[in-house]
């Protein structure tokens, strides 16, 4: 069984910083893409950033230059360093990982964390 779990959300003032972490655990053979999504009330979930196993990274335009995604393959963990936070960054942030577990027939399946709230006050 595979699980992913986030940590690190909270309340911060505009201009502040937070670091999110997400660890995958279980019977993991390989983790492919890892990424962060967010969803604010009344909006659709959107991709914030993702990172391939080979280190290729992409960001949504609104966070470029402020957020940094990284991963530690040895620890099955992905991080999101968020700097210069704005009120519009407030949302529930979800970790996503494409994971192939031992015994899986496919190349990988999508796993989601439970979400962590990030609130940026004006």
N, C-alpha and C. Protein backbone atom coordinates (compact mmCIF):
# COMPACT_ATOMS: atom_id res chain seq x y z
N UNK A 1 0.85 -1.19 0.00
CA UNK A 1 0.00 0.00 0.00
C UNK A 1 0.88 1.24 0.00
N UNK A 2 0.49 2.23 -0.78
CA UNK A 2 1.27 3.45 -0.93
C UNK A 2 0.46 4.63 -0.39
N UNK A 3 1.16 5.52 0.28
CA UNK A 3 0.52 6.73 0.79
C UNK A 3 1.44 7.92 0.55
N UNK A 4 0.82 9.08 0.43
CA UNK A 4 1.58 10.33 0.42
C UNK A 4 0.97 11.24 1.46
N UNK A 5 1.82 11.99 2.14
CA UNK A 5 1.34 12.86 3.22
C UNK A 5 2.11 14.16 3.22
N UNK A 6 1.35 15.27 3.28
CA UNK A 6 1.95 16.59 3.29
C UNK A 6 2.11 17.10 4.71
N UNK A 7 2.98 18.08 4.83
CA UNK A 7 3.12 18.82 6.08
C UNK A 7 3.68 20.19 5.75
N UNK A 8 3.49 21.13 6.68
CA UNK A 8 4.14 22.42 6.54
C UNK A 8 3.25 23.60 6.22
N UNK A 9 1.96 23.41 6.09
CA UNK A 9 1.11 24.55 5.84
C UNK A 9 0.95 25.42 7.06
N UNK A 10 0.19 26.52 6.91
CA UNK A 10 -0.05 27.39 8.04
C UNK A 10 -0.47 28.78 7.60
N UNK A 11 -0.41 29.70 8.57
CA UNK A 11 -0.79 31.09 8.36
C UNK A 11 0.47 31.94 8.33
N UNK A 12 0.55 32.81 7.33
CA UNK A 12 1.71 33.67 7.19
C UNK A 12 1.25 35.01 6.63
N UNK A 13 1.99 36.05 6.92
CA UNK A 13 1.66 37.37 6.39
C UNK A 13 2.17 37.52 4.96
N UNK A 14 1.60 38.46 4.25
CA UNK A 14 2.06 38.77 2.90
C UNK A 14 3.57 39.05 2.92
N UNK A 15 4.24 38.43 1.95
CA UNK A 15 5.69 38.58 1.87
C UNK A 15 6.47 37.53 2.62
N UNK A 16 5.77 36.73 3.41
CA UNK A 16 6.43 35.70 4.19
C UNK A 16 6.72 34.44 3.39
N UNK A 17 7.23 33.44 4.10
CA UNK A 17 7.64 32.19 3.46
C UNK A 17 7.09 30.99 4.22
N UNK A 18 6.88 29.92 3.47
CA UNK A 18 6.51 28.63 4.04
C UNK A 18 7.19 27.55 3.21
N UNK A 19 7.43 26.42 3.85
CA UNK A 19 7.98 25.28 3.14
C UNK A 19 7.08 24.08 3.36
N UNK A 20 6.60 23.53 2.27
CA UNK A 20 5.78 22.33 2.31
C UNK A 20 6.65 21.11 2.02
N UNK A 21 6.30 20.02 2.69
CA UNK A 21 6.98 18.74 2.44
C UNK A 21 5.93 17.68 2.15
N UNK A 22 6.33 16.71 1.37
CA UNK A 22 5.43 15.59 1.07
C UNK A 22 6.27 14.34 0.95
N UNK A 23 5.95 13.36 1.78
CA UNK A 23 6.67 12.10 1.77
C UNK A 23 5.78 10.97 1.30
N UNK A 24 6.31 10.17 0.41
CA UNK A 24 5.61 8.97 -0.04
C UNK A 24 6.16 7.77 0.72
N UNK A 25 5.27 6.86 1.06
CA UNK A 25 5.70 5.69 1.81
C UNK A 25 4.94 4.46 1.33
N UNK A 26 5.48 3.31 1.67
CA UNK A 26 4.84 2.06 1.29
C UNK A 26 5.72 1.22 0.39
N UNK A 27 5.08 0.35 -0.35
CA UNK A 27 5.78 -0.63 -1.17
C UNK A 27 6.12 -0.03 -2.53
N UNK A 28 7.02 0.93 -2.54
CA UNK A 28 7.31 1.73 -3.72
C UNK A 28 8.44 1.13 -4.54
N UNK A 29 8.17 0.95 -5.83
CA UNK A 29 9.22 0.53 -6.75
C UNK A 29 9.91 1.73 -7.36
N UNK A 30 9.09 2.69 -7.81
CA UNK A 30 9.64 3.88 -8.44
C UNK A 30 8.63 5.02 -8.34
N UNK A 31 9.13 6.23 -8.11
CA UNK A 31 8.28 7.42 -8.16
C UNK A 31 8.63 8.19 -9.41
N UNK A 32 7.66 8.45 -10.23
CA UNK A 32 7.86 9.21 -11.46
C UNK A 32 7.73 10.70 -11.15
N UNK A 33 6.70 11.34 -11.66
CA UNK A 33 6.51 12.76 -11.40
C UNK A 33 5.99 13.00 -9.99
N UNK A 34 6.47 14.05 -9.36
CA UNK A 34 5.93 14.53 -8.09
C UNK A 34 5.56 15.99 -8.27
N UNK A 35 4.49 16.39 -7.64
CA UNK A 35 4.08 17.77 -7.86
C UNK A 35 3.18 18.30 -6.76
N UNK A 36 2.90 19.58 -6.87
CA UNK A 36 2.02 20.29 -5.95
C UNK A 36 0.89 20.94 -6.73
N UNK A 37 -0.31 20.77 -6.22
CA UNK A 37 -1.50 21.42 -6.74
C UNK A 37 -2.10 22.25 -5.62
N UNK A 38 -2.96 23.16 -6.00
CA UNK A 38 -3.68 23.94 -4.98
C UNK A 38 -5.11 24.19 -5.43
N UNK A 39 -5.95 24.38 -4.44
CA UNK A 39 -7.36 24.66 -4.72
C UNK A 39 -7.88 25.66 -3.70
N UNK A 40 -8.31 26.80 -4.21
CA UNK A 40 -8.95 27.82 -3.37
C UNK A 40 -10.46 27.60 -3.45
N UNK A 41 -11.20 28.11 -2.47
CA UNK A 41 -12.66 27.93 -2.47
C UNK A 41 -13.27 28.46 -3.76
N UNK A 42 -14.14 27.66 -4.36
CA UNK A 42 -14.85 28.07 -5.56
C UNK A 42 -14.03 27.99 -6.84
N UNK A 43 -12.85 27.41 -6.76
CA UNK A 43 -12.01 27.31 -7.95
C UNK A 43 -11.65 25.85 -8.21
N UNK A 44 -11.13 25.61 -9.40
CA UNK A 44 -10.66 24.27 -9.73
C UNK A 44 -9.25 24.06 -9.20
N UNK A 45 -8.94 22.82 -8.95
CA UNK A 45 -7.58 22.51 -8.53
C UNK A 45 -6.62 22.81 -9.68
N UNK A 46 -5.52 23.46 -9.37
CA UNK A 46 -4.56 23.82 -10.41
C UNK A 46 -3.16 23.33 -10.04
N UNK A 47 -2.41 23.04 -11.08
CA UNK A 47 -1.02 22.63 -10.88
C UNK A 47 -0.19 23.86 -10.51
N UNK A 48 0.58 23.73 -9.45
CA UNK A 48 1.49 24.79 -9.03
C UNK A 48 2.89 24.54 -9.61
N UNK A 49 3.39 23.33 -9.40
CA UNK A 49 4.72 22.97 -9.88
C UNK A 49 4.84 21.47 -9.87
N UNK A 50 5.64 20.96 -10.79
CA UNK A 50 5.95 19.54 -10.73
C UNK A 50 7.38 19.30 -11.15
N UNK A 51 7.89 18.12 -10.78
CA UNK A 51 9.27 17.77 -11.04
C UNK A 51 9.34 16.30 -11.43
N UNK A 52 9.96 16.07 -12.55
CA UNK A 52 10.13 14.70 -13.02
C UNK A 52 11.24 14.00 -12.25
N UNK A 53 11.30 12.71 -12.40
CA UNK A 53 12.33 11.96 -11.71
C UNK A 53 13.73 12.42 -12.13
N UNK A 54 13.87 12.86 -13.39
CA UNK A 54 15.18 13.30 -13.87
C UNK A 54 15.47 14.75 -13.50
N UNK A 55 14.55 15.39 -12.78
CA UNK A 55 14.80 16.74 -12.30
C UNK A 55 14.21 17.85 -13.13
N UNK A 56 13.59 17.53 -14.25
CA UNK A 56 12.96 18.57 -15.07
C UNK A 56 11.77 19.16 -14.31
N UNK A 57 11.70 20.47 -14.28
CA UNK A 57 10.73 21.19 -13.45
C UNK A 57 9.85 22.09 -14.30
N UNK A 58 8.60 22.23 -13.88
CA UNK A 58 7.73 23.23 -14.48
C UNK A 58 6.95 23.93 -13.38
N UNK A 59 6.63 25.19 -13.62
CA UNK A 59 5.87 26.02 -12.68
C UNK A 59 4.71 26.68 -13.40
N UNK A 60 3.63 26.91 -12.67
CA UNK A 60 2.60 27.76 -13.21
C UNK A 60 3.13 29.19 -13.20
N UNK A 61 2.68 30.00 -14.12
CA UNK A 61 3.26 31.32 -14.34
C UNK A 61 3.23 32.20 -13.09
N UNK A 62 2.16 32.12 -12.33
CA UNK A 62 1.98 33.04 -11.20
C UNK A 62 2.96 32.81 -10.05
N UNK A 63 3.65 31.68 -10.03
CA UNK A 63 4.58 31.42 -8.92
C UNK A 63 6.03 31.44 -9.35
N UNK A 64 6.27 31.62 -10.61
CA UNK A 64 7.66 31.63 -11.10
C UNK A 64 8.45 32.75 -10.41
N UNK A 65 9.65 32.40 -9.97
CA UNK A 65 10.50 33.36 -9.28
C UNK A 65 10.23 33.47 -7.79
N UNK A 66 9.14 32.87 -7.32
CA UNK A 66 8.81 32.93 -5.90
C UNK A 66 8.83 31.54 -5.24
N UNK A 67 8.40 30.53 -5.96
CA UNK A 67 8.32 29.18 -5.43
C UNK A 67 9.43 28.33 -6.05
N UNK A 68 9.91 27.38 -5.25
CA UNK A 68 10.92 26.44 -5.73
C UNK A 68 10.52 25.02 -5.32
N UNK A 69 10.43 24.16 -6.30
CA UNK A 69 10.14 22.75 -6.04
C UNK A 69 11.43 21.96 -6.10
N UNK A 70 11.55 20.97 -5.23
CA UNK A 70 12.72 20.11 -5.25
C UNK A 70 12.30 18.74 -4.73
N UNK A 71 13.13 17.75 -4.96
CA UNK A 71 12.80 16.41 -4.48
C UNK A 71 14.07 15.70 -4.04
N UNK A 72 13.87 14.78 -3.12
CA UNK A 72 14.94 13.92 -2.64
C UNK A 72 14.50 12.50 -2.93
N UNK A 73 15.05 11.92 -3.99
CA UNK A 73 14.62 10.60 -4.40
C UNK A 73 14.95 9.53 -3.36
N UNK A 74 16.02 9.73 -2.62
CA UNK A 74 16.39 8.76 -1.59
C UNK A 74 15.38 8.73 -0.45
N UNK A 75 14.72 9.85 -0.24
CA UNK A 75 13.74 9.96 0.85
C UNK A 75 12.31 9.91 0.34
N UNK A 76 12.13 9.75 -0.97
CA UNK A 76 10.78 9.74 -1.56
C UNK A 76 9.99 10.98 -1.15
N UNK A 77 10.64 12.11 -1.18
CA UNK A 77 10.05 13.34 -0.67
C UNK A 77 10.17 14.46 -1.70
N UNK A 78 9.13 15.27 -1.74
CA UNK A 78 9.14 16.47 -2.57
C UNK A 78 8.85 17.66 -1.67
N UNK A 79 9.47 18.78 -2.00
CA UNK A 79 9.35 20.00 -1.20
C UNK A 79 8.84 21.14 -2.09
N UNK A 80 8.21 22.10 -1.44
CA UNK A 80 7.83 23.33 -2.12
C UNK A 80 8.19 24.49 -1.21
N UNK A 81 9.23 25.21 -1.59
CA UNK A 81 9.62 26.42 -0.86
C UNK A 81 8.87 27.59 -1.46
N UNK A 82 8.07 28.25 -0.64
CA UNK A 82 7.23 29.35 -1.11
C UNK A 82 7.70 30.63 -0.45
N UNK A 83 8.19 31.56 -1.26
CA UNK A 83 8.67 32.85 -0.78
C UNK A 83 7.79 33.97 -1.34
N UNK A 84 7.90 35.13 -0.72
CA UNK A 84 7.14 36.31 -1.15
C UNK A 84 5.67 35.93 -1.39
N UNK A 85 5.09 35.31 -0.40
CA UNK A 85 3.71 34.85 -0.52
C UNK A 85 2.74 36.01 -0.62
N UNK A 86 1.67 35.77 -1.36
CA UNK A 86 0.62 36.76 -1.59
C UNK A 86 -0.71 36.19 -1.11
N UNK A 87 -1.67 37.05 -0.80
CA UNK A 87 -2.99 36.53 -0.40
C UNK A 87 -3.60 35.59 -1.43
N UNK A 88 -3.34 35.83 -2.70
CA UNK A 88 -3.91 34.97 -3.74
C UNK A 88 -3.27 33.58 -3.78
N UNK A 89 -2.21 33.37 -3.01
CA UNK A 89 -1.63 32.04 -2.88
C UNK A 89 -2.38 31.19 -1.86
N UNK A 90 -3.29 31.79 -1.13
CA UNK A 90 -4.05 31.06 -0.11
C UNK A 90 -4.89 29.97 -0.77
N UNK A 91 -4.75 28.77 -0.26
CA UNK A 91 -5.46 27.62 -0.83
C UNK A 91 -5.10 26.38 -0.01
N UNK A 92 -5.79 25.31 -0.31
CA UNK A 92 -5.35 24.00 0.18
C UNK A 92 -4.35 23.46 -0.85
N UNK A 93 -3.20 23.09 -0.38
CA UNK A 93 -2.15 22.58 -1.25
C UNK A 93 -2.11 21.06 -1.14
N UNK A 94 -2.12 20.42 -2.30
CA UNK A 94 -2.14 18.96 -2.36
C UNK A 94 -0.86 18.45 -3.03
N UNK A 95 -0.31 17.42 -2.44
CA UNK A 95 0.80 16.73 -3.05
C UNK A 95 0.26 15.64 -3.98
N UNK A 96 0.92 15.50 -5.11
CA UNK A 96 0.56 14.46 -6.07
C UNK A 96 1.82 13.71 -6.48
N UNK A 97 1.71 12.42 -6.58
CA UNK A 97 2.86 11.63 -7.02
C UNK A 97 2.38 10.49 -7.91
N UNK A 98 3.12 10.28 -8.97
CA UNK A 98 2.87 9.14 -9.85
C UNK A 98 3.84 8.04 -9.44
N UNK A 99 3.27 6.97 -8.90
CA UNK A 99 4.09 5.95 -8.25
C UNK A 99 3.80 4.57 -8.82
N UNK A 100 4.87 3.86 -9.09
CA UNK A 100 4.75 2.45 -9.45
C UNK A 100 5.12 1.63 -8.21
N UNK A 101 4.19 0.90 -7.72
CA UNK A 101 4.44 0.03 -6.57
C UNK A 101 4.87 -1.35 -7.04
N UNK A 102 5.52 -2.07 -6.15
CA UNK A 102 5.87 -3.45 -6.48
C UNK A 102 4.59 -4.23 -6.77
N UNK A 103 4.61 -4.94 -7.88
CA UNK A 103 3.44 -5.72 -8.26
C UNK A 103 2.51 -5.01 -9.21
N UNK A 104 2.70 -3.70 -9.42
CA UNK A 104 1.85 -2.97 -10.37
C UNK A 104 2.18 -3.39 -11.79
N UNK A 105 1.16 -3.46 -12.62
CA UNK A 105 1.36 -3.80 -14.03
C UNK A 105 1.65 -2.55 -14.86
N UNK A 106 1.12 -1.44 -14.48
CA UNK A 106 1.31 -0.22 -15.25
C UNK A 106 2.60 0.49 -14.90
N UNK A 107 2.78 1.65 -15.54
CA UNK A 107 3.99 2.45 -15.30
C UNK A 107 3.88 3.27 -14.02
N UNK A 108 2.67 3.47 -13.55
CA UNK A 108 2.49 4.23 -12.32
C UNK A 108 1.05 4.68 -12.16
N UNK A 109 0.68 4.96 -10.93
CA UNK A 109 -0.66 5.43 -10.61
C UNK A 109 -0.56 6.72 -9.81
N UNK A 110 -1.63 7.51 -9.89
CA UNK A 110 -1.65 8.79 -9.21
C UNK A 110 -2.07 8.63 -7.75
N UNK A 111 -1.31 9.27 -6.88
CA UNK A 111 -1.64 9.29 -5.46
C UNK A 111 -1.70 10.74 -4.99
N UNK A 112 -2.65 11.01 -4.10
CA UNK A 112 -2.86 12.35 -3.59
C UNK A 112 -2.74 12.35 -2.07
N UNK A 113 -2.15 13.45 -1.56
CA UNK A 113 -2.16 13.65 -0.13
C UNK A 113 -3.50 14.22 0.31
N UNK A 114 -3.64 14.40 1.60
CA UNK A 114 -4.91 14.86 2.16
C UNK A 114 -5.07 16.37 2.06
N UNK A 115 -3.99 17.07 1.75
CA UNK A 115 -4.04 18.52 1.61
C UNK A 115 -3.58 19.23 2.87
N UNK A 116 -2.98 20.39 2.68
CA UNK A 116 -2.56 21.21 3.80
C UNK A 116 -2.92 22.67 3.48
N UNK A 117 -3.50 23.35 4.46
CA UNK A 117 -3.99 24.70 4.25
C UNK A 117 -2.86 25.71 4.33
N UNK A 118 -2.81 26.58 3.34
CA UNK A 118 -1.90 27.73 3.36
C UNK A 118 -2.76 28.98 3.31
N UNK A 119 -2.59 29.85 4.29
CA UNK A 119 -3.35 31.09 4.36
C UNK A 119 -2.37 32.24 4.47
N UNK A 120 -2.52 33.20 3.55
CA UNK A 120 -1.65 34.37 3.53
C UNK A 120 -2.51 35.59 3.86
N UNK A 121 -2.22 36.22 4.96
CA UNK A 121 -3.01 37.38 5.38
C UNK A 121 -2.49 38.65 4.71
N UNK A 122 -3.39 39.59 4.42
CA UNK A 122 -2.98 40.84 3.75
C UNK A 122 -2.02 41.66 4.59
